[in-house]
């Protein structure tokens, strides 16, 4: 599948907010579940949030519930990750991905066949 294109991110002080965007090819957007993952220094890829292909199912890692919000704009073939009250431990490279597999595998990065280029988020204390 064609790659996803990410934007947003950067450096922010703790307590502030950022929003990431991920644009998918039209065919990918309508047929894939999509998700956000992150890779922190020295750690493995971690599920952050996911949204099913209908847009009605939203899924979050326990570590970001109530802090991050995933959403989408179907007209723009774009998903978003709104990140509020950022903490230094949120520092990571964030990736969006797309998967054709089942909803049950949304939190599993190995189920994803298509990825964005990655975006560095650095949260300073």
PDB file of N, CA and C in Angstrom:
ATOM      1  N   UNK A   1       0.840  -1.184   0.000  1.00  0.00           N
ATOM      2  CA  UNK A   1       0.000   0.000   0.000  1.00  0.00           C
ATOM      3  C   UNK A   1       0.878   1.238   0.000  1.00  0.00           C
ATOM      4  N   UNK A   2       0.357   2.332  -0.540  1.00  0.00           N
ATOM      5  CA  UNK A   2       1.102   3.579  -0.562  1.00  0.00           C
ATOM      6  C   UNK A   2       1.286   4.078   0.851  1.00  0.00           C
ATOM      7  N   UNK A   3       2.338   4.822   1.054  1.00  0.00           N
ATOM      8  CA  UNK A   3       2.671   5.310   2.379  1.00  0.00           C
ATOM      9  C   UNK A   3       1.687   6.373   2.838  1.00  0.00           C
ATOM     10  N   UNK A   4       1.610   6.508   4.132  1.00  0.00           N
ATOM     11  CA  UNK A   4       0.827   7.552   4.766  1.00  0.00           C
ATOM     12  C   UNK A   4       1.739   8.763   4.992  1.00  0.00           C
ATOM     13  N   UNK A   5       1.160   9.942   4.999  1.00  0.00           N
ATOM     14  CA  UNK A   5       1.951  11.164   5.151  1.00  0.00           C
ATOM     15  C   UNK A   5       1.549  11.877   6.435  1.00  0.00           C
ATOM     16  N   UNK A   6       2.498  12.010   7.331  1.00  0.00           N
ATOM     17  CA  UNK A   6       2.249  12.626   8.625  1.00  0.00           C
ATOM     18  C   UNK A   6       2.680  14.086   8.640  1.00  0.00           C
ATOM     19  N   UNK A   7       2.047  14.849   9.529  1.00  0.00           N
ATOM     20  CA  UNK A   7       2.469  16.223   9.779  1.00  0.00           C
ATOM     21  C   UNK A   7       2.140  16.574  11.220  1.00  0.00           C
ATOM     22  N   UNK A   8       2.733  17.672  11.688  1.00  0.00           N
ATOM     23  CA  UNK A   8       2.543  18.092  13.063  1.00  0.00           C
ATOM     24  C   UNK A   8       3.717  17.638  13.906  1.00  0.00           C
ATOM     25  N   UNK A   9       3.601  17.840  15.186  1.00  0.00           N
ATOM     26  CA  UNK A   9       4.649  17.416  16.098  1.00  0.00           C
ATOM     27  C   UNK A   9       5.692  18.473  16.334  1.00  0.00           C
ATOM     28  N   UNK A  10       6.769  18.083  17.024  1.00  0.00           N
ATOM     29  CA  UNK A  10       7.838  19.008  17.339  1.00  0.00           C
ATOM     30  C   UNK A  10       8.150  19.011  18.818  1.00  0.00           C
ATOM     31  N   UNK A  11       8.556  20.177  19.273  1.00  0.00           N
ATOM     32  CA  UNK A  11       8.959  20.344  20.671  1.00  0.00           C
ATOM     33  C   UNK A  11       7.907  21.138  21.422  1.00  0.00           C
ATOM     34  N   UNK A  12       7.625  20.728  22.666  1.00  0.00           N
ATOM     35  CA  UNK A  12       6.626  21.434  23.462  1.00  0.00           C
ATOM     36  C   UNK A  12       6.965  21.289  24.934  1.00  0.00           C
ATOM     37  N   UNK A  13       6.566  22.245  25.726  1.00  0.00           N
ATOM     38  CA  UNK A  13       6.749  22.147  27.168  1.00  0.00           C
ATOM     39  C   UNK A  13       5.642  21.294  27.783  1.00  0.00           C
ATOM     40  N   UNK A  14       5.952  20.645  28.863  1.00  0.00           N
ATOM     41  CA  UNK A  14       4.980  19.797  29.557  1.00  0.00           C
ATOM     42  C   UNK A  14       3.720  20.594  29.887  1.00  0.00           C
ATOM     43  N   UNK A  15       2.583  19.940  29.725  1.00  0.00           N
ATOM     44  CA  UNK A  15       1.301  20.567  29.999  1.00  0.00           C
ATOM     45  C   UNK A  15       0.629  21.150  28.778  1.00  0.00           C
ATOM     46  N   UNK A  16       1.384  21.311  27.715  1.00  0.00           N
ATOM     47  CA  UNK A  16       0.827  21.868  26.487  1.00  0.00           C
ATOM     48  C   UNK A  16       0.269  20.784  25.579  1.00  0.00           C
ATOM     49  N   UNK A  17      -0.238  21.204  24.427  1.00  0.00           N
ATOM     50  CA  UNK A  17      -0.920  20.288  23.508  1.00  0.00           C
ATOM     51  C   UNK A  17      -0.283  20.325  22.129  1.00  0.00           C
ATOM     52  N   UNK A  18      -0.460  19.239  21.422  1.00  0.00           N
ATOM     53  CA  UNK A  18      -0.054  19.133  20.020  1.00  0.00           C
ATOM     54  C   UNK A  18      -1.075  18.281  19.286  1.00  0.00           C
ATOM     55  N   UNK A  19      -1.134  18.472  17.969  1.00  0.00           N
ATOM     56  CA  UNK A  19      -1.984  17.619  17.151  1.00  0.00           C
ATOM     57  C   UNK A  19      -1.186  17.068  15.978  1.00  0.00           C
ATOM     58  N   UNK A  20      -1.300  15.775  15.798  1.00  0.00           N
ATOM     59  CA  UNK A  20      -0.677  15.110  14.658  1.00  0.00           C
ATOM     60  C   UNK A  20      -1.739  14.808  13.606  1.00  0.00           C
ATOM     61  N   UNK A  21      -1.325  14.861  12.350  1.00  0.00           N
ATOM     62  CA  UNK A  21      -2.207  14.518  11.240  1.00  0.00           C
ATOM     63  C   UNK A  21      -1.567  13.407  10.425  1.00  0.00           C
ATOM     64  N   UNK A  22      -2.432  12.622   9.778  1.00  0.00           N
ATOM     65  CA  UNK A  22      -1.946  11.529   8.948  1.00  0.00           C
ATOM     66  C   UNK A  22      -2.898  11.397   7.766  1.00  0.00           C
ATOM     67  N   UNK A  23      -2.392  11.671   6.583  1.00  0.00           N
ATOM     68  CA  UNK A  23      -3.194  11.598   5.370  1.00  0.00           C
ATOM     69  C   UNK A  23      -2.938  10.270   4.681  1.00  0.00           C
ATOM     70  N   UNK A  24      -4.040   9.609   4.340  1.00  0.00           N
ATOM     71  CA  UNK A  24      -3.951   8.314   3.667  1.00  0.00           C
ATOM     72  C   UNK A  24      -4.460   8.417   2.239  1.00  0.00           C
ATOM     73  N   UNK A  25      -3.980   7.558   1.360  1.00  0.00           N
ATOM     74  CA  UNK A  25      -4.578   7.496   0.027  1.00  0.00           C
ATOM     75  C   UNK A  25      -6.060   7.143   0.157  1.00  0.00           C
ATOM     76  N   UNK A  26      -6.875   7.632  -0.756  1.00  0.00           N
ATOM     77  CA  UNK A  26      -8.314   7.449  -0.654  1.00  0.00           C
ATOM     78  C   UNK A  26      -8.688   5.980  -0.484  1.00  0.00           C
ATOM     79  N   UNK A  27      -8.087   5.117  -1.246  1.00  0.00           N
ATOM     80  CA  UNK A  27      -8.448   3.703  -1.182  1.00  0.00           C
ATOM     81  C   UNK A  27      -8.070   3.098   0.162  1.00  0.00           C
ATOM     82  N   UNK A  28      -6.954   3.535   0.711  1.00  0.00           N
ATOM     83  CA  UNK A  28      -6.510   3.030   2.019  1.00  0.00           C
ATOM     84  C   UNK A  28      -7.451   3.500   3.113  1.00  0.00           C
ATOM     85  N   UNK A  29      -7.829   4.756   3.072  1.00  0.00           N
ATOM     86  CA  UNK A  29      -8.636   5.337   4.141  1.00  0.00           C
ATOM     87  C   UNK A  29      -9.964   4.615   4.278  1.00  0.00           C
ATOM     88  N   UNK A  30     -10.595   4.277   3.203  1.00  0.00           N
ATOM     89  CA  UNK A  30     -11.920   3.687   3.262  1.00  0.00           C
ATOM     90  C   UNK A  30     -11.967   2.215   3.612  1.00  0.00           C
ATOM     91  N   UNK A  31     -10.846   1.558   3.557  1.00  0.00           N
ATOM     92  CA  UNK A  31     -10.838   0.113   3.726  1.00  0.00           C
ATOM     93  C   UNK A  31     -10.018  -0.380   4.904  1.00  0.00           C
ATOM     94  N   UNK A  32      -9.257   0.516   5.532  1.00  0.00           N
ATOM     95  CA  UNK A  32      -8.344   0.127   6.595  1.00  0.00           C
ATOM     96  C   UNK A  32      -8.747   0.702   7.945  1.00  0.00           C
ATOM     97  N   UNK A  33      -8.482  -0.099   8.955  1.00  0.00           N
ATOM     98  CA  UNK A  33      -8.449   0.467  10.301  1.00  0.00           C
ATOM     99  C   UNK A  33      -7.123   1.225  10.418  1.00  0.00           C
ATOM    100  N   UNK A  34      -7.108   2.231  11.240  1.00  0.00           N
ATOM    101  CA  UNK A  34      -5.882   3.024  11.354  1.00  0.00           C
ATOM    102  C   UNK A  34      -5.523   3.250  12.807  1.00  0.00           C
ATOM    103  N   UNK A  35      -4.243   3.471  13.023  1.00  0.00           N
ATOM    104  CA  UNK A  35      -3.811   3.629  14.406  1.00  0.00           C
ATOM    105  C   UNK A  35      -2.590   4.514  14.534  1.00  0.00           C
ATOM    106  N   UNK A  36      -2.346   4.915  15.753  1.00  0.00           N
ATOM    107  CA  UNK A  36      -1.149   5.669  16.120  1.00  0.00           C
ATOM    108  C   UNK A  36      -0.322   4.829  17.083  1.00  0.00           C
ATOM    109  N   UNK A  37       0.967   4.803  16.835  1.00  0.00           N
ATOM    110  CA  UNK A  37       1.919   4.114  17.687  1.00  0.00           C
ATOM    111  C   UNK A  37       3.055   5.073  18.003  1.00  0.00           C
ATOM    112  N   UNK A  38       3.846   4.716  19.001  1.00  0.00           N
ATOM    113  CA  UNK A  38       5.012   5.535  19.313  1.00  0.00           C
ATOM    114  C   UNK A  38       6.181   4.652  19.737  1.00  0.00           C
ATOM    115  N   UNK A  39       7.356   5.174  19.486  1.00  0.00           N
ATOM    116  CA  UNK A  39       8.578   4.503  19.887  1.00  0.00           C
ATOM    117  C   UNK A  39       9.394   5.488  20.709  1.00  0.00           C
ATOM    118  N   UNK A  40       9.488   5.209  21.994  1.00  0.00           N
ATOM    119  CA  UNK A  40      10.278   6.050  22.898  1.00  0.00           C
ATOM    120  C   UNK A  40      11.711   5.532  22.930  1.00  0.00           C
ATOM    121  N   UNK A  41      12.652   6.378  23.307  1.00  0.00           N
ATOM    122  CA  UNK A  41      14.062   5.946  23.352  1.00  0.00           C
ATOM    123  C   UNK A  41      14.228   4.706  24.214  1.00  0.00           C
ATOM    124  N   UNK A  42      14.840   3.700  23.631  1.00  0.00           N
ATOM    125  CA  UNK A  42      15.113   2.475  24.368  1.00  0.00           C
ATOM    126  C   UNK A  42      13.928   1.560  24.574  1.00  0.00           C
ATOM    127  N   UNK A  43      12.801   1.890  23.955  1.00  0.00           N
ATOM    128  CA  UNK A  43      11.597   1.080  24.147  1.00  0.00           C
ATOM    129  C   UNK A  43      11.083   0.551  22.813  1.00  0.00           C
ATOM    130  N   UNK A  44      10.183  -0.408  22.905  1.00  0.00           N
ATOM    131  CA  UNK A  44       9.590  -0.978  21.702  1.00  0.00           C
ATOM    132  C   UNK A  44       8.383  -0.140  21.266  1.00  0.00           C
ATOM    133  N   UNK A  45       7.960  -0.413  20.029  1.00  0.00           N
ATOM    134  CA  UNK A  45       6.800   0.299  19.505  1.00  0.00           C
ATOM    135  C   UNK A  45       5.579   0.014  20.362  1.00  0.00           C
ATOM    136  N   UNK A  46       4.857   1.068  20.686  1.00  0.00           N
ATOM    137  CA  UNK A  46       3.744   0.991  21.633  1.00  0.00           C
ATOM    138  C   UNK A  46       2.482   1.534  20.980  1.00  0.00           C
ATOM    139  N   UNK A  47       1.384   0.801  21.130  1.00  0.00           N
ATOM    140  CA  UNK A  47       0.093   1.272  20.650  1.00  0.00           C
ATOM    141  C   UNK A  47      -0.349   2.494  21.457  1.00  0.00           C
ATOM    142  N   UNK A  48      -0.880   3.486  20.752  1.00  0.00           N
ATOM    143  CA  UNK A  48      -1.370   4.694  21.415  1.00  0.00           C
ATOM    144  C   UNK A  48      -2.888   4.812  21.254  1.00  0.00           C
ATOM    145  N   UNK A  49      -3.348   4.775  20.004  1.00  0.00           N
ATOM    146  CA  UNK A  49      -4.781   4.934  19.742  1.00  0.00           C
ATOM    147  C   UNK A  49      -5.108   4.356  18.375  1.00  0.00           C
ATOM    148  N   UNK A  50      -6.362   3.934  18.208  1.00  0.00           N
ATOM    149  CA  UNK A  50      -6.786   3.393  16.927  1.00  0.00           C
ATOM    150  C   UNK A  50      -8.214   3.773  16.614  1.00  0.00           C
ATOM    151  N   UNK A  51      -8.536   3.707  15.326  1.00  0.00           N
ATOM    152  CA  UNK A  51      -9.896   4.015  14.879  1.00  0.00           C
ATOM    153  C   UNK A  51     -10.249   3.011  13.781  1.00  0.00           C
ATOM    154  N   UNK A  52     -11.462   2.450  13.860  1.00  0.00           N
ATOM    155  CA  UNK A  52     -11.794   1.461  12.844  1.00  0.00           C
ATOM    156  C   UNK A  52     -12.198   2.135  11.535  1.00  0.00           C
ATOM    157  N   UNK A  53     -12.332   1.341  10.487  1.00  0.00           N
ATOM    158  CA  UNK A  53     -12.525   1.906   9.150  1.00  0.00           C
ATOM    159  C   UNK A  53     -13.857   2.626   9.009  1.00  0.00           C
ATOM    160  N   UNK A  54     -14.804   2.345   9.886  1.00  0.00           N
ATOM    161  CA  UNK A  54     -16.076   3.070   9.848  1.00  0.00           C
ATOM    162  C   UNK A  54     -15.993   4.412  10.554  1.00  0.00           C
ATOM    163  N   UNK A  55     -14.968   4.560  11.374  1.00  0.00           N
ATOM    164  CA  UNK A  55     -14.816   5.779  12.156  1.00  0.00           C
ATOM    165  C   UNK A  55     -15.579   5.787  13.459  1.00  0.00           C
ATOM    166  N   UNK A  56     -16.337   4.737  13.716  1.00  0.00           N
ATOM    167  CA  UNK A  56     -17.171   4.735  14.913  1.00  0.00           C
ATOM    168  C   UNK A  56     -16.502   4.071  16.104  1.00  0.00           C
ATOM    169  N   UNK A  57     -15.522   3.235  15.867  1.00  0.00           N
ATOM    170  CA  UNK A  57     -14.828   2.565  16.953  1.00  0.00           C
ATOM    171  C   UNK A  57     -13.505   3.242  17.268  1.00  0.00           C
ATOM    172  N   UNK A  58     -13.358   3.681  18.507  1.00  0.00           N
ATOM    173  CA  UNK A  58     -12.145   4.353  18.954  1.00  0.00           C
ATOM    174  C   UNK A  58     -11.503   3.522  20.053  1.00  0.00           C
ATOM    175  N   UNK A  59     -10.192   3.414  20.004  1.00  0.00           N
ATOM    176  CA  UNK A  59      -9.481   2.552  20.934  1.00  0.00           C
ATOM    177  C   UNK A  59      -8.251   3.297  21.455  1.00  0.00           C
ATOM    178  N   UNK A  60      -7.962   3.125  22.748  1.00  0.00           N
ATOM    179  CA  UNK A  60      -6.855   3.846  23.363  1.00  0.00           C
ATOM    180  C   UNK A  60      -6.048   2.925  24.271  1.00  0.00           C
ATOM    181  N   UNK A  61      -4.761   3.202  24.325  1.00  0.00           N
ATOM    182  CA  UNK A  61      -3.942   2.590  25.354  1.00  0.00           C
ATOM    183  C   UNK A  61      -4.323   3.193  26.689  1.00  0.00           C
ATOM    184  N   UNK A  62      -4.246   2.389  27.730  1.00  0.00           N
ATOM    185  CA  UNK A  62      -4.605   2.884  29.062  1.00  0.00           C
ATOM    186  C   UNK A  62      -3.779   4.110  29.438  1.00  0.00           C
ATOM    187  N   UNK A  63      -2.543   4.146  28.973  1.00  0.00           N
ATOM    188  CA  UNK A  63      -1.635   5.223  29.357  1.00  0.00           C
ATOM    189  C   UNK A  63      -2.029   6.585  28.796  1.00  0.00           C
ATOM    190  N   UNK A  64      -2.914   6.610  27.788  1.00  0.00           N
ATOM    191  CA  UNK A  64      -3.267   7.899  27.183  1.00  0.00           C
ATOM    192  C   UNK A  64      -4.763   8.193  27.250  1.00  0.00           C
ATOM    193  N   UNK A  65      -5.544   7.308  27.846  1.00  0.00           N
ATOM    194  CA  UNK A  65      -6.989   7.549  27.946  1.00  0.00           C
ATOM    195  C   UNK A  65      -7.265   8.835  28.699  1.00  0.00           C
ATOM    196  N   UNK A  66      -8.126   9.652  28.135  1.00  0.00           N
ATOM    197  CA  UNK A  66      -8.457  10.923  28.747  1.00  0.00           C
ATOM    198  C   UNK A  66      -7.464  12.024  28.436  1.00  0.00           C
ATOM    199  N   UNK A  67      -6.355  11.676  27.830  1.00  0.00           N
ATOM    200  CA  UNK A  67      -5.318  12.657  27.510  1.00  0.00           C
ATOM    201  C   UNK A  67      -5.207  12.871  26.001  1.00  0.00           C
ATOM    202  N   UNK A  68      -5.288  11.778  25.243  1.00  0.00           N
ATOM    203  CA  UNK A  68      -5.187  11.831  23.790  1.00  0.00           C
ATOM    204  C   UNK A  68      -6.555  11.512  23.180  1.00  0.00           C
ATOM    205  N   UNK A  69      -6.809  12.079  21.995  1.00  0.00           N
ATOM    206  CA  UNK A  69      -8.043  11.805  21.275  1.00  0.00           C
ATOM    207  C   UNK A  69      -7.727  11.536  19.812  1.00  0.00           C
ATOM    208  N   UNK A  70      -8.220  10.416  19.314  1.00  0.00           N
ATOM    209  CA  UNK A  70      -8.077  10.115  17.903  1.00  0.00           C
ATOM    210  C   UNK A  70      -9.381  10.475  17.199  1.00  0.00           C
ATOM    211  N   UNK A  71      -9.242  11.013  16.007  1.00  0.00           N
ATOM    212  CA  UNK A  71     -10.420  11.392  15.227  1.00  0.00           C
ATOM    213  C   UNK A  71     -10.055  11.325  13.754  1.00  0.00           C
ATOM    214  N   UNK A  72     -11.059  11.556  12.922  1.00  0.00           N
ATOM    215  CA  UNK A  72     -10.763  11.551  11.497  1.00  0.00           C
ATOM    216  C   UNK A  72     -11.668  12.522  10.755  1.00  0.00           C
ATOM    217  N   UNK A  73     -11.207  12.907   9.582  1.00  0.00           N
ATOM    218  CA  UNK A  73     -11.989  13.713   8.650  1.00  0.00           C
ATOM    219  C   UNK A  73     -12.027  12.916   7.348  1.00  0.00           C
ATOM    220  N   UNK A  74     -13.162  12.271   7.115  1.00  0.00           N
ATOM    221  CA  UNK A  74     -13.268  11.396   5.956  1.00  0.00           C
ATOM    222  C   UNK A  74     -13.141  12.167   4.641  1.00  0.00           C
ATOM    223  N   UNK A  75     -13.569  13.406   4.629  1.00  0.00           N
ATOM    224  CA  UNK A  75     -13.491  14.204   3.402  1.00  0.00           C
ATOM    225  C   UNK A  75     -12.048  14.509   3.022  1.00  0.00           C
ATOM    226  N   UNK A  76     -11.157  14.469   4.013  1.00  0.00           N
ATOM    227  CA  UNK A  76      -9.732  14.771   3.781  1.00  0.00           C
ATOM    228  C   UNK A  76      -8.860  13.527   3.868  1.00  0.00           C
ATOM    229  N   UNK A  77      -9.481  12.369   4.074  1.00  0.00           N
ATOM    230  CA  UNK A  77      -8.738  11.096   4.181  1.00  0.00           C
ATOM    231  C   UNK A  77      -7.658  11.212   5.248  1.00  0.00           C
ATOM    232  N   UNK A  78      -8.000  11.841   6.337  1.00  0.00           N
ATOM    233  CA  UNK A  78      -7.023  12.187   7.363  1.00  0.00           C
ATOM    234  C   UNK A  78      -7.484  11.716   8.735  1.00  0.00           C
ATOM    235  N   UNK A  79      -6.545  11.177   9.502  1.00  0.00           N
ATOM    236  CA  UNK A  79      -6.795  10.933  10.910  1.00  0.00           C
ATOM    237  C   UNK A  79      -5.921  11.880  11.726  1.00  0.00           C
ATOM    238  N   UNK A  80      -6.365  12.129  12.940  1.00  0.00           N
ATOM    239  CA  UNK A  80      -5.672  13.068  13.817  1.00  0.00           C
ATOM    240  C   UNK A  80      -5.415  12.407  15.165  1.00  0.00           C
ATOM    241  N   UNK A  81      -4.395  12.919  15.825  1.00  0.00           N
ATOM    242  CA  UNK A  81      -4.161  12.554  17.215  1.00  0.00           C
ATOM    243  C   UNK A  81      -3.974  13.854  17.985  1.00  0.00           C
ATOM    244  N   UNK A  82      -4.981  14.202  18.746  1.00  0.00           N
ATOM    245  CA  UNK A  82      -4.918  15.380  19.611  1.00  0.00           C
ATOM    246  C   UNK A  82      -4.310  14.955  20.942  1.00  0.00           C
ATOM    247  N   UNK A  83      -3.219  15.572  21.298  1.00  0.00           N
ATOM    248  CA  UNK A  83      -2.497  15.206  22.513  1.00  0.00           C
ATOM    249  C   UNK A  83      -2.501  16.387  23.468  1.00  0.00           C
ATOM    250  N   UNK A  84      -3.150  16.219  24.600  1.00  0.00           N
ATOM    251  CA  UNK A  84      -3.264  17.275  25.598  1.00  0.00           C
ATOM    252  C   UNK A  84      -2.456  16.930  26.842  1.00  0.00           C
ATOM    253  N   UNK A  85      -2.171  17.946  27.627  1.00  0.00           N
ATOM    254  CA  UNK A  85      -1.461  17.753  28.905  1.00  0.00           C
ATOM    255  C   UNK A  85      -0.235  16.866  28.720  1.00  0.00           C
ATOM    256  N   UNK A  86       0.553  17.209  27.743  1.00  0.00           N
ATOM    257  CA  UNK A  86       1.701  16.366  27.413  1.00  0.00           C
ATOM    258  C   UNK A  86       2.698  16.307  28.560  1.00  0.00           C
ATOM    259  N   UNK A  87       3.331  15.141  28.686  1.00  0.00           N
ATOM    260  CA  UNK A  87       4.292  14.873  29.753  1.00  0.00           C
ATOM    261  C   UNK A  87       5.629  14.486  29.131  1.00  0.00           C
ATOM    262  N   UNK A  88       6.702  14.637  29.841  1.00  0.00           N
ATOM    263  CA  UNK A  88       8.005  14.213  29.291  1.00  0.00           C
ATOM    264  C   UNK A  88       8.009  12.750  28.846  1.00  0.00           C
ATOM    265  N   UNK A  89       7.245  11.905  29.525  1.00  0.00           N
ATOM    266  CA  UNK A  89       7.220  10.484  29.134  1.00  0.00           C
ATOM    267  C   UNK A  89       6.466  10.235  27.835  1.00  0.00           C
ATOM    268  N   UNK A  90       5.820  11.257  27.286  1.00  0.00           N
ATOM    269  CA  UNK A  90       5.192  11.143  25.969  1.00  0.00           C
ATOM    270  C   UNK A  90       6.199  11.380  24.840  1.00  0.00           C
ATOM    271  N   UNK A  91       7.409  11.748  25.201  1.00  0.00           N
ATOM    272  CA  UNK A  91       8.451  11.952  24.204  1.00  0.00           C
ATOM    273  C   UNK A  91       8.709  10.663  23.442  1.00  0.00           C
ATOM    274  N   UNK A  92       8.602  10.733  22.122  1.00  0.00           N
ATOM    275  CA  UNK A  92       8.751   9.543  21.284  1.00  0.00           C
ATOM    276  C   UNK A  92       8.645   9.957  19.826  1.00  0.00           C
ATOM    277  N   UNK A  93       8.938   9.012  18.960  1.00  0.00           N
ATOM    278  CA  UNK A  93       8.593   9.164  17.557  1.00  0.00           C
ATOM    279  C   UNK A  93       7.230   8.518  17.367  1.00  0.00           C
ATOM    280  N   UNK A  94       6.316   9.262  16.805  1.00  0.00           N
ATOM    281  CA  UNK A  94       4.950   8.795  16.619  1.00  0.00           C
ATOM    282  C   UNK A  94       4.733   8.409  15.158  1.00  0.00           C
ATOM    283  N   UNK A  95       4.068   7.273  14.967  1.00  0.00           N
ATOM    284  CA  UNK A  95       3.787   6.754  13.634  1.00  0.00           C
ATOM    285  C   UNK A  95       2.295   6.494  13.482  1.00  0.00           C
ATOM    286  N   UNK A  96       1.773   6.822  12.328  1.00  0.00           N
ATOM    287  CA  UNK A  96       0.432   6.341  12.008  1.00  0.00           C
ATOM    288  C   UNK A  96       0.566   5.128  11.101  1.00  0.00           C
ATOM    289  N   UNK A  97      -0.425   4.263  11.162  1.00  0.00           N
ATOM    290  CA  UNK A  97      -0.401   3.054  10.367  1.00  0.00           C
ATOM    291  C   UNK A  97      -1.786   2.681   9.916  1.00  0.00           C
ATOM    292  N   UNK A  98      -1.828   1.795   8.940  1.00  0.00           N
ATOM    293  CA  UNK A  98      -3.094   1.312   8.396  1.00  0.00           C
ATOM    294  C   UNK A  98      -3.045  -0.205   8.309  1.00  0.00           C
ATOM    295  N   UNK A  99      -4.161  -0.829   8.670  1.00  0.00           N
ATOM    296  CA  UNK A  99      -4.218  -2.283   8.651  1.00  0.00           C
ATOM    297  C   UNK A  99      -5.532  -2.769   8.065  1.00  0.00           C
ATOM    298  N   UNK A 100      -5.440  -3.836   7.273  1.00  0.00           N
ATOM    299  CA  UNK A 100      -6.618  -4.463   6.685  1.00  0.00           C
ATOM    300  C   UNK A 100      -7.151  -5.597   7.548  1.00  0.00           C
ATOM    301  N   UNK A 101      -6.441  -5.901   8.623  1.00  0.00           N
ATOM    302  CA  UNK A 101      -6.845  -7.040   9.446  1.00  0.00           C
ATOM    303  C   UNK A 101      -8.007  -6.645  10.359  1.00  0.00           C
ATOM    304  N   UNK A 102      -8.321  -7.503  11.301  1.00  0.00           N
ATOM    305  CA  UNK A 102      -9.536  -7.321  12.094  1.00  0.00           C
ATOM    306  C   UNK A 102      -9.392  -6.218  13.136  1.00  0.00           C
ATOM    307  N   UNK A 103     -10.526  -5.791  13.647  1.00  0.00           N
ATOM    308  CA  UNK A 103     -10.547  -4.777  14.701  1.00  0.00           C
ATOM    309  C   UNK A 103      -9.744  -5.243  15.909  1.00  0.00           C
ATOM    310  N   UNK A 104      -9.785  -6.528  16.181  1.00  0.00           N
ATOM    311  CA  UNK A 104      -9.081  -7.064  17.351  1.00  0.00           C
ATOM    312  C   UNK A 104      -7.569  -6.834  17.282  1.00  0.00           C
ATOM    313  N   UNK A 105      -7.052  -6.654  16.083  1.00  0.00           N
ATOM    314  CA  UNK A 105      -5.602  -6.487  15.935  1.00  0.00           C
ATOM    315  C   UNK A 105      -5.192  -5.015  15.862  1.00  0.00           C
ATOM    316  N   UNK A 106      -6.111  -4.112  16.020  1.00  0.00           N
ATOM    317  CA  UNK A 106      -5.761  -2.690  15.943  1.00  0.00           C
ATOM    318  C   UNK A 106      -4.607  -2.328  16.876  1.00  0.00           C
ATOM    319  N   UNK A 107      -4.530  -2.850  18.096  1.00  0.00           N
ATOM    320  CA  UNK A 107      -3.401  -2.491  18.966  1.00  0.00           C
ATOM    321  C   UNK A 107      -2.082  -3.185  18.629  1.00  0.00           C
ATOM    322  N   UNK A 108      -2.070  -4.078  17.650  1.00  0.00           N
ATOM    323  CA  UNK A 108      -0.884  -4.874  17.342  1.00  0.00           C
ATOM    324  C   UNK A 108      -0.166  -4.295  16.127  1.00  0.00           C
ATOM    325  N   UNK A 109       1.000  -3.701  16.342  1.00  0.00           N
ATOM    326  CA  UNK A 109       1.703  -3.037  15.245  1.00  0.00           C
ATOM    327  C   UNK A 109       2.094  -4.013  14.149  1.00  0.00           C
ATOM    328  N   UNK A 110       2.248  -5.276  14.494  1.00  0.00           N
ATOM    329  CA  UNK A 110       2.658  -6.264  13.492  1.00  0.00           C
ATOM    330  C   UNK A 110       1.559  -6.527  12.459  1.00  0.00           C
ATOM    331  N   UNK A 111       0.341  -6.101  12.757  1.00  0.00           N
ATOM    332  CA  UNK A 111      -0.764  -6.285  11.819  1.00  0.00           C
ATOM    333  C   UNK A 111      -0.812  -5.198  10.759  1.00  0.00           C
ATOM    334  N   UNK A 112       0.027  -4.183  10.893  1.00  0.00           N
ATOM    335  CA  UNK A 112      -0.034  -3.029  10.005  1.00  0.00           C
ATOM    336  C   UNK A 112       0.907  -3.193   8.824  1.00  0.00           C
ATOM    337  N   UNK A 113       0.381  -2.933   7.638  1.00  0.00           N
ATOM    338  CA  UNK A 113       1.160  -3.100   6.414  1.00  0.00           C
ATOM    339  C   UNK A 113       1.660  -1.777   5.856  1.00  0.00           C
ATOM    340  N   UNK A 114       1.142  -0.686   6.360  1.00  0.00           N
ATOM    341  CA  UNK A 114       1.422   0.616   5.773  1.00  0.00           C
ATOM    342  C   UNK A 114       1.657   1.612   6.904  1.00  0.00           C
ATOM    343  N   UNK A 115       2.708   2.420   6.752  1.00  0.00           N
ATOM    344  CA  UNK A 115       3.093   3.343   7.828  1.00  0.00           C
ATOM    345  C   UNK A 115       3.398   4.735   7.306  1.00  0.00           C
ATOM    346  N   UNK A 116       3.232   5.705   8.195  1.00  0.00           N
ATOM    347  CA  UNK A 116       3.709   7.043   7.928  1.00  0.00           C
ATOM    348  C   UNK A 116       5.207   7.123   8.193  1.00  0.00           C
ATOM    349  N   UNK A 117       5.779   8.300   7.916  1.00  0.00           N
ATOM    350  CA  UNK A 117       7.226   8.454   7.994  1.00  0.00           C
ATOM    351  C   UNK A 117       7.729   8.652   9.420  1.00  0.00           C
ATOM    352  N   UNK A 118       6.825   8.885  10.354  1.00  0.00           N
ATOM    353  CA  UNK A 118       7.229   9.117  11.742  1.00  0.00           C
ATOM    354  C   UNK A 118       7.403  10.592  12.031  1.00  0.00           C
ATOM    355  N   UNK A 119       7.036  10.989  13.242  1.00  0.00           N
ATOM    356  CA  UNK A 119       7.130  12.387  13.677  1.00  0.00           C
ATOM    357  C   UNK A 119       7.665  12.424  15.101  1.00  0.00           C
ATOM    358  N   UNK A 120       8.716  13.192  15.299  1.00  0.00           N
ATOM    359  CA  UNK A 120       9.296  13.308  16.638  1.00  0.00           C
ATOM    360  C   UNK A 120       8.470  14.264  17.492  1.00  0.00           C
ATOM    361  N   UNK A 121       8.114  13.811  18.675  1.00  0.00           N
ATOM    362  CA  UNK A 121       7.486  14.650  19.695  1.00  0.00           C
ATOM    363  C   UNK A 121       8.442  14.690  20.881  1.00  0.00           C
ATOM    364  N   UNK A 122       8.838  15.882  21.275  1.00  0.00           N
ATOM    365  CA  UNK A 122       9.708  16.043  22.434  1.00  0.00           C
ATOM    366  C   UNK A 122       9.012  16.944  23.436  1.00  0.00           C
ATOM    367  N   UNK A 123       8.818  16.422  24.637  1.00  0.00           N
ATOM    368  CA  UNK A 123       8.143  17.169  25.696  1.00  0.00           C
ATOM    369  C   UNK A 123       9.163  17.458  26.789  1.00  0.00           C
ATOM    370  N   UNK A 124       9.394  18.726  27.033  1.00  0.00           N
ATOM    371  CA  UNK A 124      10.363  19.107  28.046  1.00  0.00           C
ATOM    372  C   UNK A 124       9.655  19.442  29.348  1.00  0.00           C
ATOM    373  N   UNK A 125      10.339  19.173  30.442  1.00  0.00           N
ATOM    374  CA  UNK A 125       9.736  19.424  31.768  1.00  0.00           C
ATOM    375  C   UNK A 125       9.990  20.846  32.215  1.00  0.00           C
TER     376      UNK A 125
END
